[in-house]
Amino acid sequence: MNDKANPAKKGDGERKHRLAEALRANLQKRKAQARSRRVGDADERPEGLPTAGKMQKK
């Protein structure tokens, strides 16, 4: 949209701030739920993909 056609309202900054706070809170809640659903030990695999030289041949 064109910013000139829709000028910013007086409380726009406050609204954006509230929405950002709500988004952060929702993300933290969803991360906590995902962590609580985990079962068992942590993954033992190394991080990332192996390089071509270090790949195991079968």
C-alpha atoms as a PDB file:
ATOM      1  CA  MET A   1       0.000   0.000   0.000  1.00  0.00           C
ATOM      2  CA  ASN A   2       0.975   3.557  -0.357  1.00  0.00           C
ATOM      3  CA  ASP A   3       1.913   5.208   2.961  1.00  0.00           C
ATOM      4  CA  LYS A   4       0.711   8.604   1.708  1.00  0.00           C
ATOM      5  CA  ALA A   5      -2.792   7.271   1.057  1.00  0.00           C
ATOM      6  CA  ASN A   6      -3.049   5.851   4.607  1.00  0.00           C
ATOM      7  CA  PRO A   7      -1.272   8.197   7.025  1.00  0.00           C
ATOM      8  CA  ALA A   8      -0.083   6.705  10.318  1.00  0.00           C
ATOM      9  CA  LYS A   9      -2.508   7.126  13.183  1.00  0.00           C
ATOM     10  CA  LYS A  10      -1.588   8.565  16.556  1.00  0.00           C
ATOM     11  CA  GLY A  11      -1.650   5.232  18.438  1.00  0.00           C
ATOM     12  CA  ASP A  12       0.004   3.175  15.680  1.00  0.00           C
ATOM     13  CA  GLY A  13       3.302   2.924  17.566  1.00  0.00           C
ATOM     14  CA  GLU A  14       1.568   1.671  20.696  1.00  0.00           C
ATOM     15  CA  ARG A  15      -0.420  -0.875  18.695  1.00  0.00           C
ATOM     16  CA  LYS A  16       2.713  -2.206  16.997  1.00  0.00           C
ATOM     17  CA  HIS A  17       4.434  -2.436  20.377  1.00  0.00           C
ATOM     18  CA  ARG A  18       1.499  -4.368  21.886  1.00  0.00           C
ATOM     19  CA  LEU A  19       1.365  -6.721  18.909  1.00  0.00           C
ATOM     20  CA  ALA A  20       5.113  -7.347  19.103  1.00  0.00           C
ATOM     21  CA  GLU A  21       4.844  -8.123  22.826  1.00  0.00           C
ATOM     22  CA  ALA A  22       1.925 -10.501  22.221  1.00  0.00           C
ATOM     23  CA  LEU A  23       3.838 -12.233  19.438  1.00  0.00           C
ATOM     24  CA  ARG A  24       6.894 -12.710  21.668  1.00  0.00           C
ATOM     25  CA  ALA A  25       4.745 -14.073  24.500  1.00  0.00           C
ATOM     26  CA  ASN A  26       2.998 -16.490  22.127  1.00  0.00           C
ATOM     27  CA  LEU A  27       6.326 -17.689  20.731  1.00  0.00           C
ATOM     28  CA  GLN A  28       7.731 -18.290  24.221  1.00  0.00           C
ATOM     29  CA  LYS A  29       4.601 -20.198  25.210  1.00  0.00           C
ATOM     30  CA  ARG A  30       4.789 -22.399  22.098  1.00  0.00           C
ATOM     31  CA  LYS A  31       8.495 -23.094  22.687  1.00  0.00           C
ATOM     32  CA  ALA A  32       7.759 -24.093  26.286  1.00  0.00           C
ATOM     33  CA  GLN A  33       5.011 -26.437  25.082  1.00  0.00           C
ATOM     34  CA  ALA A  34       7.368 -28.041  22.555  1.00  0.00           C
ATOM     35  CA  ARG A  35      10.050 -28.506  25.228  1.00  0.00           C
ATOM     36  CA  SER A  36       7.551 -30.116  27.610  1.00  0.00           C
ATOM     37  CA  ARG A  37       6.493 -32.616  24.916  1.00  0.00           C
ATOM     38  CA  ARG A  38      10.023 -33.894  24.405  1.00  0.00           C
ATOM     39  CA  VAL A  39      10.596 -37.402  25.702  1.00  0.00           C
ATOM     40  CA  GLY A  40      13.865 -39.243  26.220  1.00  0.00           C
ATOM     41  CA  ASP A  41      17.483 -38.228  26.052  1.00  0.00           C
ATOM     42  CA  ALA A  42      18.942 -35.478  23.956  1.00  0.00           C
ATOM     43  CA  ASP A  43      19.944 -36.326  20.418  1.00  0.00           C
ATOM     44  CA  GLU A  44      23.488 -37.732  20.214  1.00  0.00           C
ATOM     45  CA  ARG A  45      24.013 -36.880  16.539  1.00  0.00           C
ATOM     46  CA  PRO A  46      26.539 -34.201  15.611  1.00  0.00           C
ATOM     47  CA  GLU A  47      25.148 -30.872  14.480  1.00  0.00           C
ATOM     48  CA  GLY A  48      24.783 -30.129  10.788  1.00  0.00           C
ATOM     49  CA  LEU A  49      25.434 -32.197   7.702  1.00  0.00           C
ATOM     50  CA  PRO A  50      28.711 -34.065   7.238  1.00  0.00           C
ATOM     51  CA  THR A  51      31.080 -32.774   4.597  1.00  0.00           C
ATOM     52  CA  ALA A  52      31.718 -34.836   1.482  1.00  0.00           C
ATOM     53  CA  GLY A  53      35.178 -35.907   2.719  1.00  0.00           C
ATOM     54  CA  LYS A  54      33.895 -37.118   6.076  1.00  0.00           C
ATOM     55  CA  MET A  55      30.864 -39.087   4.854  1.00  0.00           C
ATOM     56  CA  GLN A  56      30.881 -42.772   5.697  1.00  0.00           C
ATOM     57  CA  LYS A  57      30.826 -45.137   2.726  1.00  0.00           C
ATOM     58  CA  LYS A  58      28.658 -48.239   2.965  1.00  0.00           C
END
